[in-house]
Amino acid sequence: MKVPFARKFTYIPERISALHTTMFHGELHRPGNKHGLYNSHAYDDDLSDPIFYTCNGYNFPEVAFPVGALIVSRKVMELTKELPGLKFGHVLPKKIIYFPYEVGDYSFYERSDVKNNPYKFRFDNIFEIWPARRELELLHFPRFEIVYANDGKMAKEEFPEAKKINVPDPANDFGPKISYYSEKMLEKYSIVGDGFGLLFSPGAFSKLEPFLNPDYFDIMELEV
């Protein structure tokens, strides 16, 4: 059975850079996080503990994928809330900036202040140095985290028939990622992730596909 799998592009030469990717997907924060790199919720976490989102209010996406989490608008949440096996966590605004950017536009790097101090204006500093725009919170929130099941733990404990799959990296940064998936997983949980990408049941993908911006998401098919 072939099913859709989505990973985000980190960069595409002459199209998007790490700056574009960061401005599109945003950043997550969670006080007391026990999961290291991932500020998203694990499937068995207490979802009364919200995550906080730093994001760009310019061209705000309906679906974003900061590290390890699927962040969606109310519209997308309403479309997906009846799918099997999905949970939803609350996302609160930490900081919203307004930073215009476009695919293929690298003019930011030509600014005199950026050229004079490129370290200060690194892509991972923009959220900190740009001013907050609190008035954008009412426009873009509430947001929700779709909490999906994780492939590795489930493959060992619940789905021993899961196949080991080498998933390609669309940016060729790190080579293929080894993940474990099966049809039964998707029947029960609709979306299964490995922290870097998401495997969708046909029903889940039909609802989310219109909101997956092809400039920032790579969609492929995997045989499970």
N, C-alpha and C. Protein backbone atom coordinates (compact mmCIF):
# COMPACT_ATOMS: atom_id res chain seq x y z
N MET A 1 0.84 -1.19 0.00
CA MET A 1 0.00 0.00 0.00
C MET A 1 0.88 1.25 0.00
N LYS A 2 0.64 2.14 -0.94
CA LYS A 2 1.38 3.39 -1.01
C LYS A 2 0.58 4.50 -0.33
N VAL A 3 1.24 5.24 0.56
CA VAL A 3 0.56 6.31 1.29
C VAL A 3 1.42 7.56 1.29
N PRO A 4 0.81 8.74 1.45
CA PRO A 4 1.57 10.00 1.40
C PRO A 4 2.41 10.22 2.65
N PHE A 5 3.58 10.78 2.42
CA PHE A 5 4.50 11.13 3.49
C PHE A 5 5.01 12.54 3.22
N ALA A 6 5.03 13.40 4.23
CA ALA A 6 5.47 14.78 4.07
C ALA A 6 6.65 15.08 4.99
N ARG A 7 7.68 15.67 4.40
CA ARG A 7 8.78 16.24 5.18
C ARG A 7 8.95 17.68 4.74
N LYS A 8 9.44 18.50 5.63
CA LYS A 8 9.61 19.90 5.24
C LYS A 8 10.96 20.12 4.56
N PHE A 9 10.97 21.02 3.60
CA PHE A 9 12.22 21.48 3.02
C PHE A 9 12.91 22.40 4.02
N THR A 10 14.20 22.20 4.24
CA THR A 10 14.96 23.16 5.04
C THR A 10 15.52 24.27 4.16
N TYR A 11 15.90 23.92 2.95
CA TYR A 11 16.30 24.93 1.97
C TYR A 11 16.21 24.33 0.58
N ILE A 12 16.04 25.19 -0.39
CA ILE A 12 16.13 24.82 -1.81
C ILE A 12 16.97 25.91 -2.46
N PRO A 13 18.12 25.59 -3.03
CA PRO A 13 18.99 26.63 -3.58
C PRO A 13 18.24 27.60 -4.48
N GLU A 14 18.44 28.89 -4.22
CA GLU A 14 17.88 30.00 -5.00
C GLU A 14 16.36 30.09 -4.88
N ARG A 15 15.78 29.35 -3.93
CA ARG A 15 14.33 29.41 -3.74
C ARG A 15 13.98 29.73 -2.29
N ILE A 16 14.35 28.87 -1.37
CA ILE A 16 14.17 29.18 0.04
C ILE A 16 15.46 28.88 0.80
N SER A 17 15.73 29.70 1.80
CA SER A 17 16.88 29.51 2.68
C SER A 17 16.38 29.14 4.06
N ALA A 18 17.32 28.97 4.99
CA ALA A 18 16.94 28.70 6.38
C ALA A 18 16.11 29.85 6.94
N LEU A 19 16.35 31.07 6.48
CA LEU A 19 15.55 32.21 6.92
C LEU A 19 14.10 32.04 6.50
N HIS A 20 13.85 31.71 5.23
CA HIS A 20 12.48 31.49 4.76
C HIS A 20 11.80 30.39 5.57
N THR A 21 12.51 29.30 5.77
CA THR A 21 11.94 28.16 6.50
C THR A 21 11.55 28.54 7.92
N THR A 22 12.43 29.27 8.60
CA THR A 22 12.14 29.69 9.97
C THR A 22 10.97 30.64 10.03
N MET A 23 10.91 31.58 9.09
CA MET A 23 9.81 32.54 9.08
C MET A 23 8.48 31.86 8.76
N PHE A 24 8.53 30.81 7.95
CA PHE A 24 7.30 30.11 7.59
C PHE A 24 6.80 29.23 8.74
N HIS A 25 7.68 28.42 9.32
CA HIS A 25 7.26 27.41 10.29
C HIS A 25 7.22 27.93 11.73
N GLY A 26 8.05 28.91 12.08
CA GLY A 26 8.08 29.41 13.44
C GLY A 26 8.87 28.54 14.40
N GLU A 27 8.78 28.87 15.68
CA GLU A 27 9.53 28.17 16.72
C GLU A 27 8.62 27.88 17.91
N LEU A 28 8.86 26.74 18.55
CA LEU A 28 8.07 26.34 19.72
C LEU A 28 8.87 26.48 21.01
N HIS A 29 8.13 26.71 22.09
CA HIS A 29 8.74 26.80 23.42
C HIS A 29 7.80 26.08 24.39
N ARG A 30 8.40 25.39 25.34
CA ARG A 30 7.56 24.75 26.38
C ARG A 30 8.34 24.69 27.69
N PRO A 31 7.93 25.48 28.69
CA PRO A 31 8.60 25.43 29.99
C PRO A 31 8.52 24.02 30.58
N GLY A 32 9.61 23.58 31.14
CA GLY A 32 9.61 22.25 31.77
C GLY A 32 9.62 21.11 30.79
N ASN A 33 9.96 21.37 29.52
CA ASN A 33 9.99 20.34 28.51
C ASN A 33 10.94 19.21 28.91
N LYS A 34 10.46 17.97 28.76
CA LYS A 34 11.27 16.80 29.11
C LYS A 34 11.80 16.06 27.88
N HIS A 35 11.54 16.62 26.70
CA HIS A 35 11.85 15.87 25.48
C HIS A 35 13.05 16.45 24.72
N GLY A 36 13.86 17.26 25.35
CA GLY A 36 15.06 17.76 24.70
C GLY A 36 14.75 18.67 23.53
N LEU A 37 15.15 18.26 22.33
CA LEU A 37 14.99 19.06 21.12
C LEU A 37 13.53 19.37 20.84
N TYR A 38 12.64 18.43 21.14
CA TYR A 38 11.25 18.57 20.75
C TYR A 38 10.43 19.26 21.83
N ASN A 39 9.85 20.40 21.49
CA ASN A 39 8.95 21.09 22.40
C ASN A 39 7.50 20.71 22.15
N SER A 40 7.27 19.84 21.20
CA SER A 40 5.93 19.34 20.93
C SER A 40 5.54 18.34 22.02
N HIS A 41 4.27 17.96 22.02
CA HIS A 41 3.79 16.95 22.97
C HIS A 41 4.02 15.55 22.41
N ALA A 42 4.45 14.65 23.26
CA ALA A 42 4.39 13.23 22.94
C ALA A 42 2.94 12.77 23.08
N TYR A 43 2.62 11.64 22.47
CA TYR A 43 1.24 11.21 22.40
C TYR A 43 0.62 10.97 23.77
N ASP A 44 1.43 10.56 24.73
CA ASP A 44 0.89 10.27 26.07
C ASP A 44 1.15 11.39 27.07
N ASP A 45 1.53 12.59 26.61
CA ASP A 45 1.74 13.73 27.49
C ASP A 45 0.41 14.29 28.01
N ASP A 46 0.53 15.06 29.07
CA ASP A 46 -0.60 15.82 29.60
C ASP A 46 -0.83 17.03 28.69
N LEU A 47 -1.93 17.05 27.97
CA LEU A 47 -2.18 18.11 26.99
C LEU A 47 -2.75 19.38 27.62
N SER A 48 -2.93 19.38 28.93
CA SER A 48 -3.32 20.63 29.59
C SER A 48 -2.12 21.58 29.72
N ASP A 49 -0.93 21.06 29.44
CA ASP A 49 0.30 21.84 29.45
C ASP A 49 0.50 22.41 28.05
N PRO A 50 0.23 23.71 27.80
CA PRO A 50 0.28 24.22 26.43
C PRO A 50 1.71 24.42 25.94
N ILE A 51 1.84 24.56 24.64
CA ILE A 51 3.10 24.99 24.07
C ILE A 51 2.94 26.44 23.60
N PHE A 52 4.06 27.14 23.53
CA PHE A 52 4.07 28.54 23.15
C PHE A 52 4.77 28.69 21.80
N TYR A 53 4.24 29.58 20.99
CA TYR A 53 4.64 29.66 19.59
C TYR A 53 5.16 31.05 19.27
N THR A 54 6.36 31.12 18.74
CA THR A 54 6.92 32.35 18.18
C THR A 54 6.82 32.23 16.67
N CYS A 55 6.23 33.23 16.02
CA CYS A 55 5.91 33.06 14.61
C CYS A 55 5.88 34.41 13.90
N ASN A 56 5.76 34.33 12.60
CA ASN A 56 5.72 35.51 11.74
C ASN A 56 4.29 35.72 11.25
N GLY A 57 3.75 36.90 11.48
CA GLY A 57 2.37 37.18 11.08
C GLY A 57 2.21 37.52 9.62
N TYR A 58 3.28 37.44 8.83
CA TYR A 58 3.20 37.72 7.40
C TYR A 58 2.97 36.40 6.66
N ASN A 59 1.90 36.32 5.86
CA ASN A 59 1.57 35.08 5.13
C ASN A 59 1.52 33.88 6.09
N PHE A 60 0.77 34.03 7.13
CA PHE A 60 0.70 33.01 8.18
C PHE A 60 0.10 31.72 7.61
N PRO A 61 0.81 30.59 7.68
CA PRO A 61 0.29 29.35 7.07
C PRO A 61 -0.81 28.69 7.89
N GLU A 62 -1.70 28.00 7.20
CA GLU A 62 -2.73 27.20 7.89
C GLU A 62 -2.11 25.98 8.57
N VAL A 63 -1.03 25.46 7.98
CA VAL A 63 -0.32 24.30 8.53
C VAL A 63 1.16 24.61 8.54
N ALA A 64 1.78 24.51 9.70
CA ALA A 64 3.22 24.69 9.83
C ALA A 64 3.80 23.48 10.57
N PHE A 65 5.11 23.28 10.40
CA PHE A 65 5.76 22.11 10.99
C PHE A 65 7.10 22.51 11.60
N PRO A 66 7.06 23.32 12.68
CA PRO A 66 8.31 23.56 13.41
C PRO A 66 8.80 22.23 13.97
N VAL A 67 9.97 22.24 14.56
CA VAL A 67 10.62 20.97 14.92
C VAL A 67 9.69 20.07 15.71
N GLY A 68 9.32 18.95 15.09
CA GLY A 68 8.57 17.91 15.78
C GLY A 68 7.09 18.11 15.98
N ALA A 69 6.51 19.22 15.50
CA ALA A 69 5.11 19.50 15.81
C ALA A 69 4.34 19.92 14.57
N LEU A 70 3.06 19.60 14.55
CA LEU A 70 2.17 20.01 13.47
C LEU A 70 1.23 21.07 14.04
N ILE A 71 1.43 22.33 13.63
CA ILE A 71 0.67 23.46 14.16
C ILE A 71 -0.34 23.90 13.11
N VAL A 72 -1.61 23.97 13.48
CA VAL A 72 -2.65 24.25 12.50
C VAL A 72 -3.61 25.33 12.99
N SER A 73 -4.32 25.90 12.05
CA SER A 73 -5.35 26.89 12.34
C SER A 73 -6.61 26.21 12.87
N ARG A 74 -7.53 27.03 13.37
CA ARG A 74 -8.81 26.48 13.81
C ARG A 74 -9.53 25.79 12.65
N LYS A 75 -9.45 26.36 11.46
CA LYS A 75 -10.10 25.78 10.29
C LYS A 75 -9.61 24.36 10.04
N VAL A 76 -8.31 24.15 10.09
CA VAL A 76 -7.75 22.81 9.86
C VAL A 76 -8.08 21.89 11.01
N MET A 77 -8.05 22.40 12.23
CA MET A 77 -8.42 21.59 13.38
C MET A 77 -9.84 21.06 13.25
N GLU A 78 -10.76 21.92 12.83
CA GLU A 78 -12.15 21.50 12.68
C GLU A 78 -12.30 20.43 11.59
N LEU A 79 -11.49 20.52 10.55
CA LEU A 79 -11.55 19.55 9.46
C LEU A 79 -11.00 18.18 9.87
N THR A 80 -10.09 18.16 10.82
CA THR A 80 -9.38 16.92 11.14
C THR A 80 -9.76 16.32 12.50
N LYS A 81 -10.57 17.01 13.29
CA LYS A 81 -10.79 16.59 14.67
C LYS A 81 -11.51 15.26 14.80
N GLU A 82 -12.22 14.82 13.77
CA GLU A 82 -12.94 13.55 13.84
C GLU A 82 -12.12 12.38 13.29
N LEU A 83 -10.91 12.63 12.82
CA LEU A 83 -10.09 11.54 12.29
C LEU A 83 -9.64 10.63 13.43
N PRO A 84 -9.52 9.33 13.18
CA PRO A 84 -9.13 8.41 14.25
C PRO A 84 -7.74 8.72 14.81
N GLY A 85 -7.63 8.64 16.13
CA GLY A 85 -6.33 8.61 16.78
C GLY A 85 -5.60 9.92 16.95
N LEU A 86 -6.20 11.03 16.56
CA LEU A 86 -5.52 12.30 16.70
C LEU A 86 -5.94 12.98 18.00
N LYS A 87 -4.99 13.68 18.63
CA LYS A 87 -5.27 14.50 19.79
C LYS A 87 -4.90 15.94 19.46
N PHE A 88 -5.41 16.88 20.24
CA PHE A 88 -5.17 18.29 19.95
C PHE A 88 -4.75 19.02 21.23
N GLY A 89 -3.66 19.75 21.11
CA GLY A 89 -3.17 20.56 22.21
C GLY A 89 -3.31 22.04 21.89
N HIS A 90 -3.39 22.85 22.93
CA HIS A 90 -3.52 24.29 22.74
C HIS A 90 -2.14 24.92 22.50
N VAL A 91 -2.12 25.90 21.62
CA VAL A 91 -0.91 26.64 21.29
C VAL A 91 -1.15 28.10 21.62
N LEU A 92 -0.31 28.66 22.45
CA LEU A 92 -0.44 30.05 22.87
C LEU A 92 0.66 30.90 22.23
N PRO A 93 0.34 32.14 21.89
CA PRO A 93 1.37 32.99 21.28
C PRO A 93 2.41 33.42 22.29
N LYS A 94 3.67 33.25 21.95
CA LYS A 94 4.75 33.82 22.76
C LYS A 94 5.18 35.15 22.17
N LYS A 95 5.43 35.16 20.85
CA LYS A 95 5.80 36.41 20.18
C LYS A 95 5.42 36.29 18.71
N ILE A 96 4.77 37.32 18.19
CA ILE A 96 4.49 37.40 16.76
C ILE A 96 5.21 38.64 16.22
N ILE A 97 5.97 38.44 15.14
CA ILE A 97 6.59 39.56 14.46
C ILE A 97 5.92 39.74 13.11
N TYR A 98 6.29 40.79 12.41
CA TYR A 98 5.81 40.98 11.04
C TYR A 98 7.03 41.20 10.16
N PHE A 99 7.39 40.16 9.41
CA PHE A 99 8.62 40.15 8.62
C PHE A 99 8.28 39.70 7.20
N PRO A 100 8.08 40.63 6.25
CA PRO A 100 7.76 40.23 4.87
C PRO A 100 8.89 39.43 4.23
N TYR A 101 8.53 38.37 3.55
CA TYR A 101 9.50 37.55 2.81
C TYR A 101 8.75 36.86 1.69
N GLU A 102 9.45 36.46 0.65
CA GLU A 102 8.84 35.75 -0.47
C GLU A 102 9.79 34.66 -0.94
N VAL A 103 9.22 33.62 -1.50
CA VAL A 103 10.04 32.57 -2.10
C VAL A 103 10.90 33.17 -3.21
N GLY A 104 12.18 32.87 -3.19
CA GLY A 104 13.10 33.37 -4.20
C GLY A 104 13.64 34.76 -3.93
N ASP A 105 13.17 35.41 -2.88
CA ASP A 105 13.61 36.77 -2.56
C ASP A 105 14.72 36.69 -1.51
N TYR A 106 15.93 37.08 -1.90
CA TYR A 106 17.07 37.08 -1.00
C TYR A 106 17.56 38.50 -0.72
N SER A 107 16.72 39.49 -0.96
CA SER A 107 17.14 40.88 -0.81
C SER A 107 17.48 41.23 0.64
N PHE A 108 16.95 40.48 1.59
CA PHE A 108 17.28 40.72 2.99
C PHE A 108 18.79 40.72 3.20
N TYR A 109 19.47 39.81 2.52
CA TYR A 109 20.91 39.68 2.71
C TYR A 109 21.69 40.82 2.07
N GLU A 110 21.02 41.64 1.27
CA GLU A 110 21.67 42.78 0.63
C GLU A 110 21.54 44.06 1.46
N ARG A 111 20.77 44.04 2.53
CA ARG A 111 20.63 45.22 3.38
C ARG A 111 21.98 45.59 4.00
N SER A 112 22.22 46.88 4.15
CA SER A 112 23.51 47.32 4.68
C SER A 112 23.71 46.86 6.11
N ASP A 113 22.64 46.89 6.94
CA ASP A 113 22.81 46.47 8.33
C ASP A 113 23.12 44.98 8.43
N VAL A 114 22.55 44.19 7.52
CA VAL A 114 22.83 42.76 7.51
C VAL A 114 24.26 42.49 7.05
N LYS A 115 24.69 43.19 6.02
CA LYS A 115 26.06 43.01 5.54
C LYS A 115 27.08 43.44 6.58
N ASN A 116 26.75 44.49 7.33
CA ASN A 116 27.69 44.99 8.33
C ASN A 116 27.77 44.10 9.56
N ASN A 117 26.70 43.36 9.83
CA ASN A 117 26.70 42.49 11.01
C ASN A 117 25.90 41.23 10.72
N PRO A 118 26.43 40.36 9.85
CA PRO A 118 25.66 39.15 9.47
C PRO A 118 25.39 38.22 10.64
N TYR A 119 26.27 38.22 11.65
CA TYR A 119 26.02 37.34 12.80
C TYR A 119 24.78 37.78 13.56
N LYS A 120 24.63 39.07 13.76
CA LYS A 120 23.46 39.58 14.47
C LYS A 120 22.18 39.22 13.74
N PHE A 121 22.21 39.26 12.40
CA PHE A 121 21.01 39.04 11.62
C PHE A 121 20.92 37.62 11.06
N ARG A 122 21.51 36.66 11.77
CA ARG A 122 21.33 35.27 11.38
C ARG A 122 19.85 34.91 11.42
N PHE A 123 19.48 33.92 10.62
CA PHE A 123 18.07 33.52 10.55
C PHE A 123 17.50 33.16 11.91
N ASP A 124 18.31 32.57 12.79
CA ASP A 124 17.79 32.14 14.09
C ASP A 124 17.80 33.26 15.12
N ASN A 125 18.14 34.48 14.71
CA ASN A 125 18.05 35.63 15.60
C ASN A 125 16.90 36.57 15.26
N ILE A 126 16.29 36.39 14.11
CA ILE A 126 15.30 37.36 13.64
C ILE A 126 14.12 37.47 14.60
N PHE A 127 13.63 36.35 15.09
CA PHE A 127 12.50 36.40 16.02
C PHE A 127 12.84 37.19 17.29
N GLU A 128 14.10 37.15 17.68
CA GLU A 128 14.49 37.85 18.90
C GLU A 128 14.63 39.35 18.67
N ILE A 129 15.21 39.75 17.53
CA ILE A 129 15.52 41.17 17.35
C ILE A 129 14.39 41.97 16.70
N TRP A 130 13.47 41.29 16.02
CA TRP A 130 12.35 42.02 15.41
C TRP A 130 11.32 42.35 16.48
N PRO A 131 10.64 43.48 16.37
CA PRO A 131 9.67 43.87 17.42
C PRO A 131 8.41 43.00 17.40
N ALA A 132 7.84 42.81 18.57
CA ALA A 132 6.59 42.06 18.69
C ALA A 132 5.43 42.89 18.15
N ARG A 133 4.46 42.19 17.55
CA ARG A 133 3.24 42.84 17.05
C ARG A 133 2.05 42.16 17.73
N ARG A 134 1.74 42.63 18.93
CA ARG A 134 0.71 41.98 19.74
C ARG A 134 -0.66 42.03 19.09
N GLU A 135 -0.90 43.04 18.24
CA GLU A 135 -2.22 43.15 17.61
C GLU A 135 -2.50 42.01 16.64
N LEU A 136 -1.46 41.28 16.24
CA LEU A 136 -1.64 40.16 15.31
C LEU A 136 -2.13 38.89 16.00
N GLU A 137 -2.08 38.86 17.32
CA GLU A 137 -2.50 37.66 18.04
C GLU A 137 -3.97 37.33 17.78
N LEU A 138 -4.82 38.33 17.83
CA LEU A 138 -6.25 38.08 17.61
C LEU A 138 -6.53 37.65 16.17
N LEU A 139 -5.67 38.08 15.25
CA LEU A 139 -5.86 37.74 13.84
C LEU A 139 -5.48 36.29 13.55
N HIS A 140 -4.45 35.80 14.21
CA HIS A 140 -3.88 34.50 13.85
C HIS A 140 -4.08 33.40 14.89
N PHE A 141 -4.62 33.71 16.02
CA PHE A 141 -4.85 32.70 17.04
C PHE A 141 -6.34 32.63 17.34
N PRO A 142 -6.83 31.47 17.82
CA PRO A 142 -6.07 30.35 18.36
C PRO A 142 -5.43 29.47 17.28
N ARG A 143 -4.40 28.79 17.70
CA ARG A 143 -3.73 27.74 16.93
C ARG A 143 -3.77 26.47 17.75
N PHE A 144 -3.59 25.35 17.08
CA PHE A 144 -3.66 24.06 17.75
C PHE A 144 -2.51 23.17 17.29
N GLU A 145 -2.08 22.34 18.18
CA GLU A 145 -1.10 21.30 17.85
C GLU A 145 -1.85 20.01 17.59
N ILE A 146 -1.64 19.42 16.42
CA ILE A 146 -2.13 18.06 16.20
C ILE A 146 -1.10 17.12 16.80
N VAL A 147 -1.50 16.41 17.84
CA VAL A 147 -0.60 15.48 18.52
C VAL A 147 -0.77 14.11 17.88
N TYR A 148 0.26 13.67 17.22
CA TYR A 148 0.19 12.42 16.46
C TYR A 148 1.06 11.35 17.13
N ALA A 149 0.81 10.11 16.79
CA ALA A 149 1.57 9.00 17.36
C ALA A 149 2.95 8.92 16.72
N ASN A 150 3.89 8.39 17.48
CA ASN A 150 5.27 8.27 17.03
C ASN A 150 5.57 6.86 16.54
N ASP A 151 6.28 6.76 15.43
CA ASP A 151 6.50 5.46 14.79
C ASP A 151 7.38 4.52 15.61
N GLY A 152 8.47 5.03 16.19
CA GLY A 152 9.45 4.14 16.80
C GLY A 152 8.92 3.39 17.99
N LYS A 153 8.36 4.08 18.96
CA LYS A 153 7.84 3.45 20.16
C LYS A 153 6.71 2.49 19.84
N MET A 154 5.83 2.89 18.92
CA MET A 154 4.68 2.05 18.57
C MET A 154 5.10 0.77 17.86
N ALA A 155 6.10 0.89 17.00
CA ALA A 155 6.54 -0.28 16.24
C ALA A 155 7.04 -1.38 17.17
N LYS A 156 7.65 -0.97 18.26
CA LYS A 156 8.18 -1.96 19.20
C LYS A 156 7.10 -2.52 20.11
N GLU A 157 6.13 -1.67 20.48
CA GLU A 157 5.18 -2.07 21.51
C GLU A 157 3.81 -2.49 20.99
N GLU A 158 3.39 -1.93 19.87
CA GLU A 158 2.00 -2.14 19.46
C GLU A 158 1.86 -2.74 18.07
N PHE A 159 2.83 -2.50 17.19
CA PHE A 159 2.73 -2.94 15.80
C PHE A 159 4.00 -3.66 15.37
N PRO A 160 4.19 -4.89 15.85
CA PRO A 160 5.43 -5.60 15.52
C PRO A 160 5.58 -5.90 14.03
N GLU A 161 4.47 -5.78 13.28
CA GLU A 161 4.55 -6.04 11.83
C GLU A 161 5.09 -4.83 11.06
N ALA A 162 5.34 -3.70 11.75
CA ALA A 162 5.78 -2.48 11.07
C ALA A 162 7.07 -2.71 10.29
N LYS A 163 7.11 -2.14 9.09
CA LYS A 163 8.27 -2.28 8.23
C LYS A 163 9.31 -1.20 8.53
N LYS A 164 10.57 -1.59 8.42
CA LYS A 164 11.67 -0.63 8.50
C LYS A 164 11.81 0.03 7.12
N ILE A 165 11.70 1.35 7.10
CA ILE A 165 11.69 2.09 5.83
C ILE A 165 12.75 3.18 5.87
N ASN A 166 13.55 3.26 4.81
CA ASN A 166 14.53 4.34 4.67
C ASN A 166 13.84 5.50 3.95
N VAL A 167 13.55 6.55 4.70
CA VAL A 167 12.82 7.69 4.14
C VAL A 167 13.82 8.73 3.63
N PRO A 168 13.75 9.11 2.34
CA PRO A 168 14.70 10.08 1.80
C PRO A 168 14.57 11.44 2.47
N ASP A 169 15.67 12.17 2.50
CA ASP A 169 15.69 13.54 3.00
C ASP A 169 15.57 14.47 1.80
N PRO A 170 14.52 15.29 1.71
CA PRO A 170 14.32 16.12 0.52
C PRO A 170 15.41 17.15 0.30
N ALA A 171 16.12 17.55 1.35
CA ALA A 171 17.19 18.55 1.20
C ALA A 171 18.56 17.89 1.10
N ASN A 172 18.62 16.55 1.26
CA ASN A 172 19.87 15.83 1.22
C ASN A 172 20.88 16.34 2.25
N ASP A 173 20.37 16.77 3.39
CA ASP A 173 21.26 17.25 4.45
C ASP A 173 21.85 16.10 5.25
N PHE A 174 21.03 15.12 5.56
CA PHE A 174 21.44 14.09 6.50
C PHE A 174 21.29 12.67 5.96
N GLY A 175 20.87 12.52 4.73
CA GLY A 175 20.64 11.19 4.21
C GLY A 175 19.29 10.65 4.66
N PRO A 176 18.98 9.39 4.31
CA PRO A 176 17.66 8.84 4.65
C PRO A 176 17.49 8.67 6.16
N LYS A 177 16.23 8.76 6.58
CA LYS A 177 15.84 8.56 7.98
C LYS A 177 15.17 7.21 8.10
N ILE A 178 15.60 6.39 9.05
CA ILE A 178 14.99 5.08 9.25
C ILE A 178 13.74 5.25 10.11
N SER A 179 12.60 4.80 9.57
CA SER A 179 11.33 4.86 10.29
C SER A 179 10.63 3.52 10.20
N TYR A 180 9.58 3.35 11.02
CA TYR A 180 8.85 2.08 11.07
C TYR A 180 7.36 2.38 10.92
N TYR A 181 6.75 1.80 9.87
CA TYR A 181 5.35 2.09 9.60
C TYR A 181 4.61 0.83 9.17
N SER A 182 3.28 0.87 9.34
CA SER A 182 2.42 -0.22 8.85
C SER A 182 1.05 0.34 8.54
N GLU A 183 0.28 -0.41 7.76
CA GLU A 183 -1.10 -0.01 7.45
C GLU A 183 -1.95 0.09 8.72
N LYS A 184 -1.75 -0.86 9.63
CA LYS A 184 -2.56 -0.87 10.85
C LYS A 184 -2.34 0.39 11.68
N MET A 185 -1.12 0.91 11.68
CA MET A 185 -0.85 2.16 12.39
C MET A 185 -1.76 3.27 11.89
N LEU A 186 -1.83 3.41 10.57
CA LEU A 186 -2.61 4.50 9.99
C LEU A 186 -4.10 4.29 10.17
N GLU A 187 -4.54 3.05 10.17
CA GLU A 187 -5.96 2.79 10.42
C GLU A 187 -6.36 3.26 11.82
N LYS A 188 -5.45 3.12 12.77
CA LYS A 188 -5.77 3.48 14.15
C LYS A 188 -5.49 4.94 14.46
N TYR A 189 -4.43 5.51 13.86
CA TYR A 189 -3.96 6.83 14.31
C TYR A 189 -4.03 7.94 13.25
N SER A 190 -4.28 7.62 12.00
CA SER A 190 -4.46 8.61 10.91
C SER A 190 -3.18 9.33 10.50
N ILE A 191 -2.40 9.81 11.45
CA ILE A 191 -1.10 10.44 11.17
C ILE A 191 -0.09 9.83 12.12
N VAL A 192 1.05 9.42 11.56
CA VAL A 192 2.14 8.89 12.37
C VAL A 192 3.42 9.63 11.96
N GLY A 193 4.21 10.04 12.94
CA GLY A 193 5.40 10.81 12.63
C GLY A 193 6.66 10.23 13.21
N ASP A 194 7.81 10.69 12.69
CA ASP A 194 9.10 10.29 13.21
C ASP A 194 9.88 11.50 13.74
N GLY A 195 9.20 12.63 13.93
CA GLY A 195 9.85 13.84 14.38
C GLY A 195 10.33 14.72 13.25
N PHE A 196 10.60 14.11 12.09
CA PHE A 196 11.08 14.85 10.92
C PHE A 196 10.07 14.85 9.78
N GLY A 197 9.14 13.91 9.81
CA GLY A 197 8.15 13.81 8.76
C GLY A 197 6.89 13.15 9.26
N LEU A 198 5.87 13.12 8.39
CA LEU A 198 4.54 12.65 8.77
C LEU A 198 3.98 11.71 7.71
N LEU A 199 3.51 10.57 8.15
CA LEU A 199 2.85 9.62 7.28
C LEU A 199 1.35 9.77 7.48
N PHE A 200 0.59 9.87 6.38
CA PHE A 200 -0.84 10.15 6.45
C PHE A 200 -1.67 8.98 5.94
N SER A 201 -2.76 8.71 6.61
CA SER A 201 -3.78 7.85 6.01
C SER A 201 -4.39 8.61 4.83
N PRO A 202 -4.99 7.91 3.87
CA PRO A 202 -5.61 8.62 2.75
C PRO A 202 -6.64 9.66 3.20
N GLY A 203 -7.43 9.33 4.24
CA GLY A 203 -8.43 10.27 4.72
C GLY A 203 -7.82 11.51 5.33
N ALA A 204 -6.75 11.33 6.09
CA ALA A 204 -6.09 12.49 6.70
C ALA A 204 -5.44 13.36 5.63
N PHE A 205 -4.82 12.74 4.66
CA PHE A 205 -4.12 13.52 3.63
C PHE A 205 -5.11 14.32 2.78
N SER A 206 -6.27 13.74 2.51
CA SER A 206 -7.25 14.46 1.69
C SER A 206 -7.69 15.76 2.36
N LYS A 207 -7.69 15.77 3.70
CA LYS A 207 -8.09 16.98 4.42
C LYS A 207 -6.95 17.98 4.55
N LEU A 208 -5.72 17.50 4.66
CA LEU A 208 -4.59 18.38 4.91
C LEU A 208 -3.86 18.83 3.64
N GLU A 209 -3.94 18.05 2.59
CA GLU A 209 -3.17 18.36 1.38
C GLU A 209 -3.37 19.79 0.87
N PRO A 210 -4.61 20.33 0.85
CA PRO A 210 -4.78 21.70 0.34
C PRO A 210 -4.02 22.76 1.13
N PHE A 211 -3.57 22.43 2.33
CA PHE A 211 -2.93 23.41 3.20
C PHE A 211 -1.42 23.19 3.33
N LEU A 212 -0.88 22.19 2.62
CA LEU A 212 0.56 21.91 2.69
C LEU A 212 1.26 22.66 1.57
N ASN A 213 1.83 23.80 1.90
CA ASN A 213 2.47 24.66 0.91
C ASN A 213 3.64 23.93 0.24
N PRO A 214 3.59 23.71 -1.07
CA PRO A 214 4.63 22.92 -1.75
C PRO A 214 6.00 23.57 -1.76
N ASP A 215 6.09 24.86 -1.45
CA ASP A 215 7.40 25.49 -1.33
C ASP A 215 8.12 25.07 -0.05
N TYR A 216 7.35 24.58 0.92
CA TYR A 216 7.95 24.26 2.22
C TYR A 216 7.75 22.82 2.65
N PHE A 217 6.92 22.07 1.94
CA PHE A 217 6.72 20.65 2.25
C PHE A 217 7.04 19.81 1.02
N ASP A 218 7.77 18.75 1.23
CA ASP A 218 8.03 17.76 0.18
C ASP A 218 7.08 16.59 0.41
N ILE A 219 6.27 16.28 -0.58
CA ILE A 219 5.32 15.18 -0.48
C ILE A 219 5.80 14.02 -1.34
N MET A 220 5.92 12.85 -0.75
CA MET A 220 6.32 11.65 -1.48
C MET A 220 5.38 10.52 -1.10
N GLU A 221 5.55 9.38 -1.72
CA GLU A 221 4.78 8.20 -1.37
C GLU A 221 5.71 7.14 -0.82
N LEU A 222 5.26 6.48 0.26
CA LEU A 222 6.00 5.38 0.84
C LEU A 222 5.16 4.11 0.75
N GLU A 223 5.83 3.01 0.54
CA GLU A 223 5.17 1.70 0.53
C GLU A 223 5.21 1.13 1.94
N VAL A 224 4.01 0.88 2.51
CA VAL A 224 3.96 0.33 3.87
C VAL A 224 3.25 -1.02 3.86
